[in-house]
Amino acid sequence: MKTARTLILSSAAGLIALSGAQAADLPVKAKAVEYVRVCSLYGAGFFYIPGSDTCIKLGGYLRADVTFNGGAHGAPAWNGDIGQQNRYANYFVARSRMALTVDTRTATEYGVVRTFGQADIQFTTLGGSTFNPNNLATNLGNNTNLLDQAGGGYVAVEFVFIQFAGFTFGKSASAYATPWQGFPGNINSSLLGGQNTDTGVNNIQYTAEFGNGVSASIGLDDPTVWDRTAVYNLSIPGAIGANETGSNAYAGVHAPDIVGRIRVDQAWGLFQLSAAAHEVSGSYNTLGAGSVPTALSEISGHPESKWGGAVMAALQIKNIPTGAGDDIKLDVSYAKGATKYVIATSGSSPNFAMFGDSGFGYQSVGFGATTDGVYFPGAAGTGGIALTTAWGVRGAFNHNWNPNWSTSLFGSYSAVRYDGGANDNLLGAGTSTAKGALCAAFAASHPGQALVGNAAGNYTCNPDFNVSQLGVVTRWTPVKNLTFSGEVQWFHLDQKMSGSSVFTATAPKPNALYEFKDQDTVLLQFRAQRNF
């Protein structure tokens, strides 16, 4: 009996020990996995960042462009090697880009807090990061300083901003801009006639929503990149070169551009009024002996800064009877001392220097200098900075043939004017106005050909000019978010110089007799783009 009792107790103890060991070997219960959840608060594509109440959306596009007889992204052959049509000009240029976007939003007691960023990874036949608007010889063409190197390329930052309680901080579209920026229907980035900040400008702005689609915005924009063209000091010897463009004498940035808009956005379309104030400031006057200025110096003083500005009216009409989704977009701009609010691209404001066929002489040529203002120090000078006047209109009609095919007809007309009377068009008329000062500087750059009636040339100087553009683009979307586009654009330079002159143009153009004449060019651009 004692043996049996011992056996039973021993067995029980062993079972207890075994069960304890097995319990120790069991894994600890894992925490529940938090799967990614869809966020439906802000539209398709958003999801919650795991472990937070912030929604995020990742997106972007991949794009391939090729342009014939133009610059990357559809810039016409309006200057540089392609403007000269010389042997350095590229017959075509190509660009490949992948854009990546990150959009986050968080609901708070103050409203939605949003952050947004976009980076472009791209490789281009000729890069824009070293683009020099004052060096026409190397703007566009086969120049090694402008080429992305093999295996290289670069990353460009477009939008990077924070939005909170109606405020926007960072690099975003200007409060002045329309929703379509410089693209009412075109795919090229060089449709002139109005302002364009399509890749963002450093700014601070506030937007108030009044309901029923009515809003108002006010902002402070950094003008360094997007809002300044050039200021010419015309007393510098050779200030105006052979191509009627000079060295930029802008002073440093002293004040932001003050911009604002009022917008009505409803089912029928959109109407917007915008305004901007822009400071124009020169660096220094010239210092020299007698009437021959030799240098810029602090002791020579500087011209007084002036405030210019721009205004714009924009209109979009939707639901027009030509078809579902068709619309018309139109904007009209006027600027005084703020020419880039009219002559604007996705890069620098261009100066125009185009060469073509001529009925006599070596070739014909057309010029157009783009400035915010010019000044000529001295007793016979302009009396400070003379602000440049510009105005423009651009727009497009957009038509959908069916869900897979669409076409846009677009165009623009822009004008740049330098203050002065009819007599200022004659060389040697003096320097008291912007037009007279520009013509005097142009004559100084052409010694021996300055007077009307000279045997080497007979011309009348007028720096005013107009530019026109007309184009059509057709798009095919075989599947959702994949689009193939083809665009043709005509560009016309209506320059106001007349007659002919012997002068040395930018190399490799020779010293020869050139006729001043309006110029035309046509480009063709193709694009494939996949959005994701």
Protein backbone atom coordinates (compact mmCIF):
# COMPACT_ATOMS: atom_id res chain seq x y z
CA MET A 1 0.00 0.00 0.00
CA LYS A 2 2.83 2.31 0.90
CA THR A 3 4.52 1.49 -2.42
CA ALA A 4 1.39 2.31 -4.37
CA ARG A 5 0.94 5.64 -2.56
CA THR A 6 4.56 6.58 -3.29
CA LEU A 7 4.11 5.73 -6.97
CA ILE A 8 0.98 7.88 -7.25
CA LEU A 9 2.60 10.91 -5.58
CA SER A 10 5.71 10.59 -7.73
CA SER A 11 3.61 10.49 -10.90
CA ALA A 12 1.63 13.54 -9.85
CA ALA A 13 4.80 15.50 -9.12
CA GLY A 14 6.22 14.57 -12.51
CA LEU A 15 3.08 15.67 -14.29
CA ILE A 16 3.14 19.00 -12.47
CA ALA A 17 6.79 19.57 -13.41
CA LEU A 18 6.15 18.60 -17.02
CA SER A 19 3.18 20.89 -17.35
CA GLY A 20 5.21 23.76 -15.87
CA ALA A 21 8.00 23.24 -18.40
CA GLN A 22 5.53 23.16 -21.27
CA ALA A 23 3.91 26.36 -20.05
CA ALA A 24 7.29 28.06 -19.95
CA ASP A 25 7.96 27.00 -23.53
CA LEU A 26 4.73 28.53 -24.87
CA PRO A 27 5.32 31.80 -26.84
CA VAL A 28 4.15 35.12 -25.41
CA LYS A 29 0.97 36.29 -27.11
CA ALA A 30 1.91 38.81 -29.86
CA LYS A 31 0.29 42.25 -30.11
CA ALA A 32 -2.31 42.62 -32.80
CA VAL A 33 -0.84 43.76 -36.11
CA GLU A 34 -2.03 47.27 -37.11
CA TYR A 35 -2.74 47.02 -40.79
CA VAL A 36 -2.76 50.03 -43.12
CA ARG A 37 -6.20 51.58 -43.16
CA VAL A 38 -7.74 53.58 -46.00
CA CYS A 39 -8.33 57.26 -45.21
CA SER A 40 -11.47 58.45 -46.98
CA LEU A 41 -11.46 61.99 -45.57
CA TYR A 42 -9.42 63.64 -48.32
CA GLY A 43 -10.19 61.67 -51.48
CA ALA A 44 -8.82 58.60 -53.21
CA GLY A 45 -5.29 57.37 -52.55
CA PHE A 46 -4.91 58.45 -48.92
CA PHE A 47 -4.20 55.99 -46.08
CA TYR A 48 -3.41 56.36 -42.40
CA ILE A 49 0.21 56.26 -41.35
CA PRO A 50 0.23 53.25 -38.96
CA GLY A 51 0.10 54.33 -35.33
CA SER A 52 -1.05 57.89 -36.11
CA ASP A 53 -4.09 59.91 -37.13
CA THR A 54 -2.23 61.44 -40.11
CA CYS A 55 -3.29 60.51 -43.64
CA ILE A 56 -0.69 60.27 -46.41
CA LYS A 57 -0.80 59.98 -50.18
CA LEU A 58 2.12 59.03 -52.40
CA GLY A 59 2.03 59.88 -56.10
CA GLY A 60 3.74 61.47 -59.05
CA TYR A 61 4.34 60.88 -62.73
CA LEU A 62 6.94 59.70 -65.21
CA ARG A 63 7.32 61.85 -68.34
CA ALA A 64 9.42 61.71 -71.51
CA ASP A 65 9.62 64.76 -73.83
CA VAL A 66 11.31 65.42 -77.14
CA THR A 67 11.25 68.83 -78.89
CA PHE A 68 12.27 69.54 -82.48
CA ASN A 69 13.62 73.04 -83.32
CA GLY A 70 13.24 74.22 -79.75
CA GLY A 71 14.50 73.97 -76.20
CA ALA A 72 13.62 71.40 -73.58
CA HIS A 73 9.96 71.48 -72.54
CA GLY A 74 8.93 73.40 -75.66
CA ALA A 75 10.86 76.70 -75.59
CA PRO A 76 10.81 78.25 -79.10
CA ALA A 77 14.04 79.02 -80.98
CA TRP A 78 13.98 82.63 -79.85
CA ASN A 79 17.63 83.12 -78.82
CA GLY A 80 20.99 81.40 -78.43
CA ASP A 81 22.35 78.91 -80.93
CA ILE A 82 18.91 77.79 -82.07
CA GLY A 83 17.90 81.45 -82.47
CA GLN A 84 20.94 81.90 -84.72
CA GLN A 85 20.34 78.52 -86.40
CA ASN A 86 24.09 77.97 -86.41
CA ARG A 87 26.06 74.70 -86.45
CA TYR A 88 26.06 74.45 -82.65
CA ALA A 89 22.26 74.29 -82.50
CA ASN A 90 20.66 70.98 -81.56
CA TYR A 91 18.00 69.93 -84.04
CA PHE A 92 16.16 68.21 -81.20
CA VAL A 93 16.42 67.98 -77.41
CA ALA A 94 14.99 65.40 -75.01
CA ARG A 95 14.15 65.22 -71.33
CA SER A 96 13.11 62.35 -69.06
CA ARG A 97 11.62 63.08 -65.64
CA MET A 98 10.14 61.22 -62.70
CA ALA A 99 8.23 63.36 -60.20
CA LEU A 100 7.53 62.05 -56.70
CA THR A 101 4.92 63.69 -54.44
CA VAL A 102 4.16 63.24 -50.74
CA ASP A 103 0.92 64.73 -49.36
CA THR A 104 0.06 64.45 -45.63
CA ARG A 105 -3.04 65.75 -43.83
CA THR A 106 -4.11 65.74 -40.20
CA ALA A 107 -7.45 66.94 -38.83
CA THR A 108 -7.06 69.33 -35.86
CA GLU A 109 -9.22 71.75 -33.90
CA TYR A 110 -7.80 74.51 -36.15
CA GLY A 111 -8.66 72.69 -39.35
CA VAL A 112 -6.54 70.44 -41.53
CA VAL A 113 -2.75 70.61 -41.19
CA ARG A 114 -1.24 69.75 -44.57
CA THR A 115 2.30 69.23 -45.81
CA PHE A 116 3.18 68.70 -49.47
CA GLY A 117 6.43 68.10 -51.33
CA GLN A 118 7.41 67.27 -54.89
CA ALA A 119 10.87 66.32 -56.18
CA ASP A 120 11.74 65.90 -59.86
CA ILE A 121 14.45 63.43 -60.85
CA GLN A 122 15.37 64.15 -64.44
CA PHE A 123 17.92 63.94 -67.20
CA THR A 124 17.92 66.51 -70.00
CA THR A 125 19.80 66.98 -73.25
CA LEU A 126 20.60 70.49 -72.01
CA GLY A 127 20.20 71.35 -68.35
CA GLY A 128 18.51 74.47 -67.06
CA SER A 129 20.42 74.78 -63.80
CA THR A 130 23.19 76.82 -65.45
CA PHE A 131 20.90 78.79 -67.78
CA ASN A 132 22.20 82.34 -68.25
CA PRO A 133 19.62 84.73 -69.75
CA ASN A 134 22.28 87.39 -70.41
CA ASN A 135 24.57 85.11 -72.41
CA LEU A 136 22.82 84.45 -75.67
CA ALA A 137 25.69 82.40 -77.05
CA THR A 138 25.15 79.58 -74.55
CA ASN A 139 21.46 79.66 -73.70
CA LEU A 140 20.34 76.87 -75.97
CA GLY A 141 22.57 74.62 -77.99
CA ASN A 142 25.52 72.27 -77.84
CA ASN A 143 27.37 73.77 -74.88
CA THR A 144 29.00 71.31 -72.48
CA ASN A 145 28.27 73.51 -69.47
CA LEU A 146 24.56 73.00 -70.09
CA LEU A 147 24.58 69.22 -70.60
CA ASP A 148 23.63 66.65 -67.99
CA GLN A 149 26.60 64.28 -67.90
CA ALA A 150 26.34 60.58 -68.75
CA GLY A 151 24.99 58.74 -65.73
CA GLY A 152 24.16 62.10 -64.16
CA GLY A 153 21.12 64.31 -64.22
CA TYR A 154 19.79 66.27 -61.28
CA VAL A 155 17.01 66.53 -58.71
CA ALA A 156 14.83 69.63 -58.79
CA VAL A 157 12.56 70.71 -55.94
CA GLU A 158 9.14 71.96 -56.96
CA PHE A 159 6.56 72.40 -54.20
CA VAL A 160 7.55 72.15 -50.51
CA PHE A 161 5.03 73.78 -48.15
CA ILE A 162 2.98 73.59 -44.95
CA GLN A 163 -0.65 74.71 -44.74
CA PHE A 164 -2.32 75.51 -41.41
CA ALA A 165 -5.39 77.54 -40.46
CA GLY A 166 -5.54 79.27 -43.84
CA PHE A 167 -1.80 80.04 -43.96
CA THR A 168 0.74 78.59 -46.40
CA PHE A 169 4.47 78.58 -45.62
CA GLY A 170 7.16 77.42 -48.06
CA LYS A 171 7.57 76.97 -51.80
CA SER A 172 4.11 77.01 -53.37
CA ALA A 173 2.15 78.69 -56.15
CA SER A 174 1.89 82.44 -55.74
CA ALA A 175 -1.31 83.91 -54.37
CA TYR A 176 -1.31 85.96 -57.59
CA ALA A 177 -1.51 82.91 -59.88
CA THR A 178 -4.43 81.26 -61.62
CA PRO A 179 -5.09 77.53 -61.07
CA TRP A 180 -3.81 76.80 -64.59
CA GLN A 181 -0.68 78.97 -64.22
CA GLY A 182 0.97 79.28 -67.69
CA PHE A 183 -0.84 76.21 -69.06
CA PRO A 184 -4.38 77.09 -70.16
CA GLY A 185 -4.18 74.25 -72.71
CA ASN A 186 -0.55 73.88 -73.83
CA ILE A 187 2.03 71.32 -72.69
CA ASN A 188 5.06 73.59 -73.36
CA SER A 189 6.31 75.78 -70.49
CA SER A 190 6.91 78.89 -72.61
CA LEU A 191 3.49 80.38 -73.36
CA LEU A 192 4.05 84.09 -72.68
CA GLY A 193 1.45 86.71 -71.86
CA GLY A 194 1.07 86.30 -68.10
CA GLN A 195 2.59 85.23 -64.80
CA ASN A 196 3.77 81.66 -64.12
CA THR A 197 4.91 80.10 -60.81
CA ASP A 198 4.05 76.52 -61.74
CA THR A 199 7.00 75.04 -59.81
CA GLY A 200 6.48 77.19 -56.74
CA VAL A 201 7.98 80.35 -55.26
CA ASN A 202 9.14 80.85 -51.65
CA ASN A 203 6.29 82.71 -49.99
CA ILE A 204 3.98 83.25 -47.04
CA GLN A 205 0.31 83.65 -47.81
CA TYR A 206 -3.13 83.57 -46.22
CA THR A 207 -6.38 82.50 -47.87
CA ALA A 208 -9.85 83.28 -46.53
CA GLU A 209 -12.86 81.24 -47.72
CA PHE A 210 -16.15 83.16 -47.68
CA GLY A 211 -18.40 80.38 -48.93
CA ASN A 212 -20.18 79.80 -52.24
CA GLY A 213 -16.80 79.49 -53.98
CA VAL A 214 -15.65 83.01 -53.06
CA SER A 215 -12.13 83.37 -51.62
CA ALA A 216 -9.38 85.96 -51.17
CA SER A 217 -5.64 85.48 -50.74
CA ILE A 218 -2.76 87.77 -49.84
CA GLY A 219 0.91 86.85 -49.80
CA LEU A 220 4.57 87.88 -49.72
CA ASP A 221 6.63 86.32 -52.54
CA ASP A 222 10.41 86.09 -52.80
CA PRO A 223 11.01 87.87 -56.15
CA THR A 224 14.56 86.63 -56.76
CA VAL A 225 13.73 83.83 -59.22
CA TRP A 226 10.19 84.28 -60.45
CA ASP A 227 9.48 88.00 -60.42
CA ARG A 228 12.64 89.81 -61.64
CA THR A 229 14.00 90.17 -65.18
CA ALA A 230 16.86 92.71 -65.47
CA VAL A 231 17.75 96.36 -64.85
CA TYR A 232 20.22 97.89 -67.33
CA ASN A 233 22.72 100.63 -66.43
CA LEU A 234 23.05 102.13 -69.90
CA SER A 235 26.04 104.36 -69.06
CA ILE A 236 28.35 101.35 -68.84
CA PRO A 237 30.43 101.13 -72.04
CA GLY A 238 29.06 98.28 -74.08
CA ALA A 239 25.98 98.04 -71.84
CA ILE A 240 23.99 97.01 -74.90
CA GLY A 241 25.82 94.37 -76.87
CA ALA A 242 25.48 93.25 -80.44
CA ASN A 243 22.23 91.45 -79.60
CA GLU A 244 20.65 94.48 -77.88
CA THR A 245 20.91 92.87 -74.44
CA GLY A 246 23.00 94.13 -71.56
CA SER A 247 24.43 93.23 -68.19
CA ASN A 248 21.98 92.97 -65.34
CA ALA A 249 22.49 95.83 -62.85
CA TYR A 250 19.73 94.82 -60.42
CA ALA A 251 20.55 95.47 -56.77
CA GLY A 252 19.99 92.83 -54.12
CA VAL A 253 16.46 91.98 -53.02
CA HIS A 254 15.22 94.55 -50.49
CA ALA A 255 11.52 93.72 -50.24
CA PRO A 256 9.20 90.84 -51.12
CA ASP A 257 6.54 91.20 -53.78
CA ILE A 258 3.17 91.93 -52.19
CA VAL A 259 0.56 89.89 -54.05
CA GLY A 260 -3.11 89.07 -53.72
CA ARG A 261 -6.22 87.89 -55.48
CA ILE A 262 -10.00 87.65 -55.24
CA ARG A 263 -11.52 84.52 -56.81
CA VAL A 264 -15.00 83.19 -57.55
CA ASP A 265 -14.96 79.44 -58.36
CA GLN A 266 -18.34 77.87 -59.14
CA ALA A 267 -19.95 75.26 -61.38
CA TRP A 268 -20.10 77.64 -64.36
CA GLY A 269 -16.37 78.41 -64.15
CA LEU A 270 -13.96 80.81 -62.46
CA PHE A 271 -13.28 84.53 -62.33
CA GLN A 272 -10.22 86.06 -60.67
CA LEU A 273 -8.64 89.47 -60.16
CA SER A 274 -4.96 89.61 -59.08
CA ALA A 275 -2.55 92.41 -58.19
CA ALA A 276 1.14 92.63 -57.25
CA ALA A 277 3.56 95.30 -56.05
CA HIS A 278 7.21 94.83 -57.07
CA GLU A 279 10.32 96.83 -56.08
CA VAL A 280 12.80 97.74 -58.86
CA SER A 281 16.27 98.69 -57.63
CA GLY A 282 19.59 99.37 -59.38
CA SER A 283 23.02 98.62 -57.97
CA TYR A 284 25.33 101.64 -58.58
CA ASN A 285 25.82 104.58 -60.88
CA THR A 286 29.04 104.79 -62.87
CA LEU A 287 32.22 106.63 -61.88
CA GLY A 288 34.68 108.05 -64.40
CA ALA A 289 36.40 111.08 -65.87
CA GLY A 290 34.35 113.47 -68.00
CA SER A 291 31.75 111.82 -70.15
CA VAL A 292 33.48 108.44 -70.17
CA PRO A 293 32.23 106.32 -67.24
CA THR A 294 34.70 103.64 -66.26
CA ALA A 295 33.51 101.78 -63.18
CA LEU A 296 30.78 101.16 -60.67
CA SER A 297 31.55 102.46 -57.20
CA GLU A 298 29.83 103.05 -53.88
CA ILE A 299 30.92 106.70 -53.95
CA SER A 300 29.19 107.18 -57.32
CA GLY A 301 25.82 106.63 -55.66
CA HIS A 302 22.90 104.62 -56.95
CA PRO A 303 19.52 105.26 -58.53
CA GLU A 304 16.54 105.52 -56.21
CA SER A 305 14.45 102.36 -56.01
CA LYS A 306 10.99 102.46 -57.52
CA TRP A 307 7.89 100.39 -56.98
CA GLY A 308 6.19 98.86 -59.97
CA GLY A 309 3.48 96.27 -60.16
CA ALA A 310 1.11 94.16 -62.17
CA VAL A 311 -2.60 93.36 -62.43
CA MET A 312 -4.35 90.39 -64.02
CA ALA A 313 -7.92 89.35 -64.79
CA ALA A 314 -8.64 85.67 -65.47
CA LEU A 315 -11.73 83.80 -66.65
CA GLN A 316 -12.63 80.13 -67.11
CA ILE A 317 -15.93 79.11 -68.69
CA LYS A 318 -17.00 75.49 -68.20
CA ASN A 319 -19.82 73.39 -69.62
CA ILE A 320 -19.74 75.08 -73.01
CA PRO A 321 -21.99 73.49 -75.68
CA THR A 322 -19.16 71.99 -77.74
CA GLY A 323 -18.90 68.90 -75.53
CA ALA A 324 -18.68 67.42 -72.06
CA GLY A 325 -15.71 68.73 -70.12
CA ASP A 326 -14.85 71.41 -72.70
CA ASP A 327 -13.79 74.80 -71.40
CA ILE A 328 -12.20 78.13 -72.27
CA LYS A 329 -9.43 79.68 -70.16
CA LEU A 330 -8.25 83.26 -70.61
CA ASP A 331 -6.10 85.74 -68.67
CA VAL A 332 -5.10 89.35 -69.41
CA SER A 333 -2.13 91.06 -67.71
CA TYR A 334 -0.60 94.53 -67.45
CA ALA A 335 2.71 95.35 -65.75
CA LYS A 336 4.84 98.42 -65.07
CA GLY A 337 8.34 97.60 -63.84
CA ALA A 338 7.34 93.95 -63.37
CA THR A 339 7.82 92.52 -66.85
CA LYS A 340 8.10 88.92 -65.69
CA TYR A 341 4.42 89.04 -64.78
CA VAL A 342 3.91 89.14 -68.58
CA ILE A 343 7.04 87.66 -70.24
CA ALA A 344 7.22 84.55 -68.05
CA THR A 345 8.24 80.96 -68.59
CA SER A 346 9.03 78.08 -66.22
CA GLY A 347 12.59 79.48 -66.18
CA SER A 348 14.08 82.89 -66.91
CA SER A 349 12.38 85.62 -68.89
CA PRO A 350 13.93 85.40 -72.35
CA ASN A 351 15.66 88.08 -74.36
CA PHE A 352 14.98 87.63 -78.05
CA ALA A 353 17.67 87.45 -80.76
CA MET A 354 16.56 85.64 -83.91
CA PHE A 355 18.25 85.43 -87.31
CA GLY A 356 16.69 84.48 -90.65
CA ASP A 357 16.69 84.96 -94.39
CA SER A 358 17.02 88.43 -95.89
CA GLY A 359 16.34 90.06 -99.22
CA PHE A 360 19.75 91.74 -99.10
CA GLY A 361 22.86 91.66 -96.95
CA TYR A 362 24.07 88.60 -95.08
CA GLN A 363 20.96 87.81 -93.03
CA SER A 364 18.02 89.41 -91.28
CA VAL A 365 17.83 89.79 -87.51
CA GLY A 366 15.19 90.58 -84.89
CA PHE A 367 15.87 91.79 -81.34
CA GLY A 368 13.88 92.21 -78.12
CA ALA A 369 15.37 93.08 -74.70
CA THR A 370 13.29 92.11 -71.65
CA THR A 371 13.81 94.35 -68.60
CA ASP A 372 12.02 95.71 -65.54
CA GLY A 373 13.69 99.08 -66.12
CA VAL A 374 16.73 100.98 -67.41
CA TYR A 375 18.68 103.97 -66.11
CA PHE A 376 21.32 106.36 -67.46
CA PRO A 377 23.15 108.33 -64.73
CA GLY A 378 24.19 111.94 -65.32
CA ALA A 379 22.73 115.31 -66.19
CA ALA A 380 21.39 114.10 -69.55
CA GLY A 381 20.28 110.79 -68.08
CA THR A 382 16.91 109.25 -67.51
CA GLY A 383 16.43 110.84 -64.10
CA GLY A 384 16.52 107.51 -62.30
CA ILE A 385 15.14 104.12 -63.25
CA ALA A 386 12.64 104.29 -66.12
CA LEU A 387 10.22 101.41 -65.62
CA THR A 388 9.38 99.14 -68.54
CA THR A 389 5.75 98.63 -69.54
CA ALA A 390 4.38 95.27 -70.67
CA TRP A 391 0.98 93.74 -71.29
CA GLY A 392 -0.26 90.41 -72.59
CA VAL A 393 -3.18 88.08 -73.17
CA ARG A 394 -3.18 84.29 -73.44
CA GLY A 395 -5.75 81.53 -73.46
CA ALA A 396 -6.95 78.23 -74.80
CA PHE A 397 -10.03 76.37 -76.00
CA ASN A 398 -10.00 72.77 -74.74
CA HIS A 399 -12.18 70.15 -76.46
CA ASN A 400 -12.76 66.48 -75.62
CA TRP A 401 -13.57 64.40 -78.69
CA ASN A 402 -14.31 61.33 -76.55
CA PRO A 403 -12.93 59.84 -73.31
CA ASN A 404 -9.67 58.92 -75.08
CA TRP A 405 -8.95 61.91 -77.34
CA SER A 406 -8.75 65.66 -76.68
CA THR A 407 -7.40 68.76 -78.43
CA SER A 408 -6.48 72.25 -77.24
CA LEU A 409 -6.04 75.36 -79.37
CA PHE A 410 -3.94 77.95 -77.52
CA GLY A 411 -2.28 81.30 -78.17
CA SER A 412 -0.87 84.49 -76.70
CA TYR A 413 0.08 88.06 -77.58
CA SER A 414 2.51 90.17 -75.54
CA ALA A 415 3.99 93.66 -75.89
CA VAL A 416 6.99 95.37 -74.24
CA ARG A 417 7.31 99.15 -74.37
CA TYR A 418 10.09 101.55 -73.34
CA ASP A 419 9.01 105.06 -72.40
CA GLY A 420 9.82 107.84 -74.88
CA GLY A 421 8.49 109.82 -77.81
CA ALA A 422 8.76 109.38 -81.56
CA ASN A 423 11.95 111.47 -81.75
CA ASP A 424 13.69 109.04 -79.41
CA ASN A 425 13.63 106.48 -82.21
CA LEU A 426 16.32 108.43 -84.04
CA LEU A 427 19.87 107.63 -83.09
CA GLY A 428 21.56 110.53 -81.33
CA ALA A 429 18.24 111.88 -80.02
CA GLY A 430 19.56 111.99 -76.45
CA THR A 431 19.23 109.88 -73.34
CA SER A 432 16.49 111.59 -71.36
CA THR A 433 14.03 108.72 -71.82
CA ALA A 434 14.30 104.95 -71.64
CA LYS A 435 13.92 104.63 -75.40
CA GLY A 436 16.50 107.32 -76.13
CA ALA A 437 18.96 105.83 -73.63
CA LEU A 438 18.60 102.35 -75.09
CA CYS A 439 19.11 103.63 -78.62
CA ALA A 440 22.16 105.68 -77.57
CA ALA A 441 23.67 102.61 -75.89
CA PHE A 442 22.92 100.52 -78.95
CA ALA A 443 24.62 103.10 -81.17
CA ALA A 444 27.67 103.13 -78.87
CA SER A 445 27.99 99.40 -79.40
CA HIS A 446 28.13 99.96 -83.16
CA PRO A 447 30.80 102.63 -83.76
CA GLY A 448 30.77 103.99 -87.28
CA GLN A 449 27.21 102.89 -87.91
CA ALA A 450 25.43 105.11 -85.42
CA LEU A 451 24.01 107.83 -87.70
CA VAL A 452 21.05 107.43 -89.98
CA GLY A 453 22.28 107.54 -93.56
CA ASN A 454 25.71 106.07 -92.85
CA ALA A 455 27.01 104.19 -95.86
CA ALA A 456 27.59 101.08 -93.77
CA GLY A 457 23.97 100.93 -92.79
CA ASN A 458 20.74 102.91 -92.62
CA TYR A 459 18.48 102.11 -89.70
CA THR A 460 16.11 103.60 -87.18
CA CYS A 461 16.28 102.43 -83.57
CA ASN A 462 13.22 101.41 -81.57
CA PRO A 463 13.62 98.86 -78.75
CA ASP A 464 9.88 98.13 -78.44
CA PHE A 465 8.66 94.70 -79.55
CA ASN A 466 5.69 92.33 -79.61
CA VAL A 467 5.61 88.53 -79.52
CA SER A 468 2.82 86.21 -80.69
CA GLN A 469 2.26 82.50 -80.23
CA LEU A 470 -0.28 80.09 -81.68
CA GLY A 471 -0.38 76.35 -81.25
CA VAL A 472 -2.42 73.16 -81.07
CA VAL A 473 -1.93 70.02 -79.01
CA THR A 474 -3.74 66.68 -79.35
CA ARG A 475 -3.72 64.04 -76.61
CA TRP A 476 -4.49 60.32 -76.69
CA THR A 477 -5.25 58.47 -73.45
CA PRO A 478 -5.50 54.74 -74.34
CA VAL A 479 -5.76 53.72 -70.68
CA LYS A 480 -6.34 55.67 -67.50
CA ASN A 481 -3.40 57.89 -66.41
CA LEU A 482 -1.34 57.19 -69.57
CA THR A 483 -1.31 60.04 -72.11
CA PHE A 484 0.55 60.63 -75.37
CA SER A 485 0.63 64.24 -76.64
CA GLY A 486 1.78 66.01 -79.78
CA GLU A 487 2.06 69.80 -79.97
CA VAL A 488 3.02 72.25 -82.70
CA GLN A 489 3.66 75.93 -81.91
CA TRP A 490 4.32 78.98 -84.08
CA PHE A 491 6.21 81.93 -82.57
CA HIS A 492 6.45 85.41 -84.12
CA LEU A 493 8.76 88.27 -83.04
CA ASP A 494 7.44 91.66 -84.18
CA GLN A 495 10.48 93.89 -83.55
CA LYS A 496 10.44 97.62 -84.20
CA MET A 497 13.99 98.19 -85.47
CA SER A 498 14.03 99.03 -89.18
CA GLY A 499 16.58 99.34 -91.96
CA SER A 500 19.95 97.62 -91.87
CA SER A 501 23.33 97.90 -90.22
CA VAL A 502 26.80 96.39 -90.31
CA PHE A 503 27.75 95.01 -86.93
CA THR A 504 29.42 92.04 -85.32
CA ALA A 505 26.83 89.68 -83.91
CA THR A 506 27.52 87.05 -81.28
CA ALA A 507 29.96 84.50 -82.70
CA PRO A 508 29.84 82.53 -84.91
CA LYS A 509 27.80 85.16 -86.76
CA PRO A 510 30.21 87.29 -88.86
CA ASN A 511 30.73 91.02 -89.17
CA ALA A 512 28.27 91.70 -92.00
CA LEU A 513 25.31 93.75 -93.17
CA TYR A 514 22.12 92.62 -91.40
CA GLU A 515 18.58 93.70 -92.14
CA PHE A 516 16.28 94.35 -89.17
CA LYS A 517 13.23 92.22 -89.79
CA ASP A 518 10.45 90.36 -87.96
CA GLN A 519 11.19 86.70 -87.29
CA ASP A 520 9.23 83.45 -87.13
CA THR A 521 9.91 79.94 -85.90
CA VAL A 522 7.94 76.70 -85.49
CA LEU A 523 8.56 73.86 -83.03
CA LEU A 524 7.18 70.36 -82.58
CA GLN A 525 6.98 68.59 -79.23
CA PHE A 526 5.99 65.02 -78.30
CA ARG A 527 5.32 63.70 -74.80
CA ALA A 528 4.50 60.42 -73.09
CA GLN A 529 3.32 60.66 -69.47
CA ARG A 530 2.19 58.09 -66.90
CA ASN A 531 0.62 59.40 -63.69
CA PHE A 532 0.53 57.28 -60.56
